[in-house]
Structure formats: structure tokens, C-alpha cells
Amino acid sequence: MYVVFDPRKLAQDQPVRAFQLSSAGTYKPCPHILLPGIELGLQLWDGRFENLQATWLRWQDPSGQLIPTGKELAAQAARDRADQAESNAAAESDRADRLAARLRAHGISPDNENSD
């Protein structure tokens, strides 16, 4: 497969085109950019990469989902950790509230440090 990326469309009317070598030894246009044998494709993506806003070629899986960059994976992992910490804090707060309610049910004030 042969892929041409021309984001400014200087040499062609589309920003990206793919060609497959035919059995006759000539290149024929491919409607899909999925590299045979490795099951990875390419797609156009508008966004910021290395502090530059532009149109980029990005890897995609066979279903068309973008494959995250290392920075995107790290950011997602940080969000997941923050979500887990928030969930843990909420669970501990609920647990503390339940324990305080049980103490109150037994006539003990959980807010009073000198309850003896």
C-alpha cells in the first residue's frame, strides 16, 4: 500500500489517498486506508499535537477508532485514577456516615471527642 498525505491539497484534490499494488504491477486507488497484515488504518484528525494545531494522520484500529498517543493514554490514566480516588472518597464518606449513625443509635455522639 502507498499513502499520499497532502493536507494543503497542493498535488491532489484530497488530503490523503491510498493506492494498492495490483497483480498487473500498477497502483490502483483504495477506498479504505487499512494496511494489510497489521490491521491498522490511517485517518485525518484535526487537533493539537506537540503544541501545533493542524490536520494530522492518525493511526486507527480496524473498527475506525483512533489509537491514542502516549500523552493521551497518560491523560486518560490520570483521569481514571482521579475518578477512582473520588469514588473511594465517596465510599469512605458513606461508610463514616453509617458508622456515625450506628453510634448515635447507641447514644454515643461521634462528634464529641470526650464522650466518656
Protein backbone atom coordinates (compact mmCIF):
# COMPACT_ATOMS: atom_id res chain seq x y z
CA MET A 1 0.00 0.00 0.00
CA TYR A 2 1.13 3.51 -0.82
CA VAL A 3 -0.33 6.51 1.07
CA VAL A 4 -0.04 10.14 -0.03
CA PHE A 5 -0.69 12.81 2.62
CA ASP A 6 -1.17 16.27 1.18
CA PRO A 7 -3.02 18.30 3.85
CA ARG A 8 -2.91 21.53 1.81
CA LYS A 9 -4.07 19.72 -1.34
CA LEU A 10 -1.16 21.03 -3.38
CA ALA A 11 -0.75 17.92 -5.53
CA GLN A 12 -4.17 16.30 -5.33
CA ASP A 13 -7.80 17.16 -4.62
CA GLN A 14 -7.96 15.11 -1.41
CA PRO A 15 -5.72 15.49 1.64
CA VAL A 16 -5.00 11.76 1.82
CA ARG A 17 -5.20 8.96 -0.73
CA ALA A 18 -4.12 5.35 -0.69
CA PHE A 19 -3.06 3.09 -3.52
CA GLN A 20 -2.69 -0.69 -3.64
CA LEU A 21 -0.34 -2.51 -5.97
CA SER A 22 -2.39 -4.63 -8.36
CA SER A 23 -1.42 -8.01 -9.78
CA ALA A 24 -0.68 -6.19 -13.05
CA GLY A 25 2.04 -4.20 -11.29
CA THR A 26 0.19 -0.89 -11.28
CA TYR A 27 -1.15 1.10 -8.36
CA LYS A 28 -4.93 1.36 -8.07
CA PRO A 29 -6.74 3.74 -5.69
CA CYS A 30 -8.02 2.18 -2.44
CA PRO A 31 -11.23 3.43 -0.88
CA HIS A 32 -10.07 2.48 2.64
CA ILE A 33 -6.72 3.06 4.27
CA LEU A 34 -6.27 -0.19 6.17
CA LEU A 35 -2.78 -1.60 5.96
CA PRO A 36 -2.96 -5.30 5.15
CA GLY A 37 -1.25 -7.69 7.51
CA ILE A 38 -1.14 -5.35 10.51
CA GLU A 39 -4.83 -4.31 10.55
CA LEU A 40 -4.06 -0.65 11.20
CA GLY A 41 -5.53 2.21 9.28
CA LEU A 42 -4.96 5.91 8.89
CA GLN A 43 -7.42 8.74 9.20
CA LEU A 44 -7.35 12.51 9.16
CA TRP A 45 -7.52 14.20 12.53
CA ASP A 46 -7.74 17.90 13.31
CA GLY A 47 -6.16 18.71 16.63
CA ARG A 48 -3.18 19.80 18.66
CA PHE A 49 -0.06 17.65 18.71
CA GLU A 50 3.27 18.81 20.12
CA ASN A 51 1.84 22.33 20.54
CA LEU A 52 0.87 22.62 16.88
CA GLN A 53 -2.76 22.84 15.78
CA ALA A 54 -3.07 21.14 12.38
CA THR A 55 -4.56 18.31 10.36
CA TRP A 56 -2.67 15.12 11.10
CA LEU A 57 -2.71 11.50 10.02
CA ARG A 58 -3.57 9.29 12.97
CA TRP A 59 -3.49 5.52 13.38
CA GLN A 60 -6.79 3.80 13.78
CA ASP A 61 -7.84 0.27 14.69
CA PRO A 62 -9.85 -1.91 12.25
CA SER A 63 -13.14 -0.54 13.65
CA GLY A 64 -12.06 3.04 12.86
CA GLN A 65 -11.30 4.11 16.44
CA LEU A 66 -8.27 6.35 16.91
CA ILE A 67 -5.31 4.77 18.64
CA PRO A 68 -4.37 7.13 21.47
CA THR A 69 -0.97 8.76 21.63
CA GLY A 70 1.22 8.18 24.69
CA LYS A 71 0.22 11.58 26.03
CA GLU A 72 -3.48 10.79 25.53
CA LEU A 73 -3.04 7.43 27.30
CA ALA A 74 -1.29 9.13 30.24
CA ALA A 75 -4.05 11.76 30.48
CA GLN A 76 -6.74 9.05 30.43
CA ALA A 77 -4.89 7.08 33.12
CA ALA A 78 -4.71 10.24 35.27
CA ARG A 79 -8.46 10.83 34.79
CA ASP A 80 -9.16 7.20 35.69
CA ARG A 81 -7.05 7.49 38.86
CA ALA A 82 -8.81 10.73 39.84
CA ASP A 83 -12.22 9.14 39.24
CA GLN A 84 -11.22 6.12 41.33
CA ALA A 85 -9.94 8.34 44.15
CA GLU A 86 -13.20 10.32 44.09
CA SER A 87 -15.21 7.11 44.17
CA ASN A 88 -13.12 5.78 47.07
CA ALA A 89 -13.54 9.05 48.99
CA ALA A 90 -17.31 8.97 48.47
CA ALA A 91 -17.46 5.34 49.65
CA GLU A 92 -15.43 6.18 52.76
CA SER A 93 -17.64 9.19 53.48
CA ASP A 94 -20.72 6.97 53.19
CA ARG A 95 -19.08 4.43 55.50
CA ALA A 96 -18.25 7.13 58.06
CA ASP A 97 -21.85 8.39 57.91
CA ARG A 98 -23.19 4.86 58.50
CA LEU A 99 -20.83 4.32 61.44
CA ALA A 100 -21.78 7.69 62.94
CA ALA A 101 -25.47 6.77 62.62
CA ARG A 102 -24.83 3.47 64.43
CA LEU A 103 -23.00 5.29 67.23
CA ARG A 104 -25.89 7.76 67.57
CA ALA A 105 -28.33 4.84 67.70
CA HIS A 106 -26.41 3.64 70.77
CA GLY A 107 -26.47 7.07 72.39
CA ILE A 108 -22.89 7.94 71.52
CA SER A 109 -22.08 11.24 69.86
CA PRO A 110 -19.45 10.65 67.18
CA ASP A 111 -18.71 14.40 67.12
CA ASN A 112 -17.82 14.60 70.82
CA GLU A 113 -14.17 13.70 71.48
CA ASN A 114 -14.74 13.28 75.23
CA SER A 115 -17.78 11.02 75.22
CA ASP A 116 -16.75 9.03 78.35
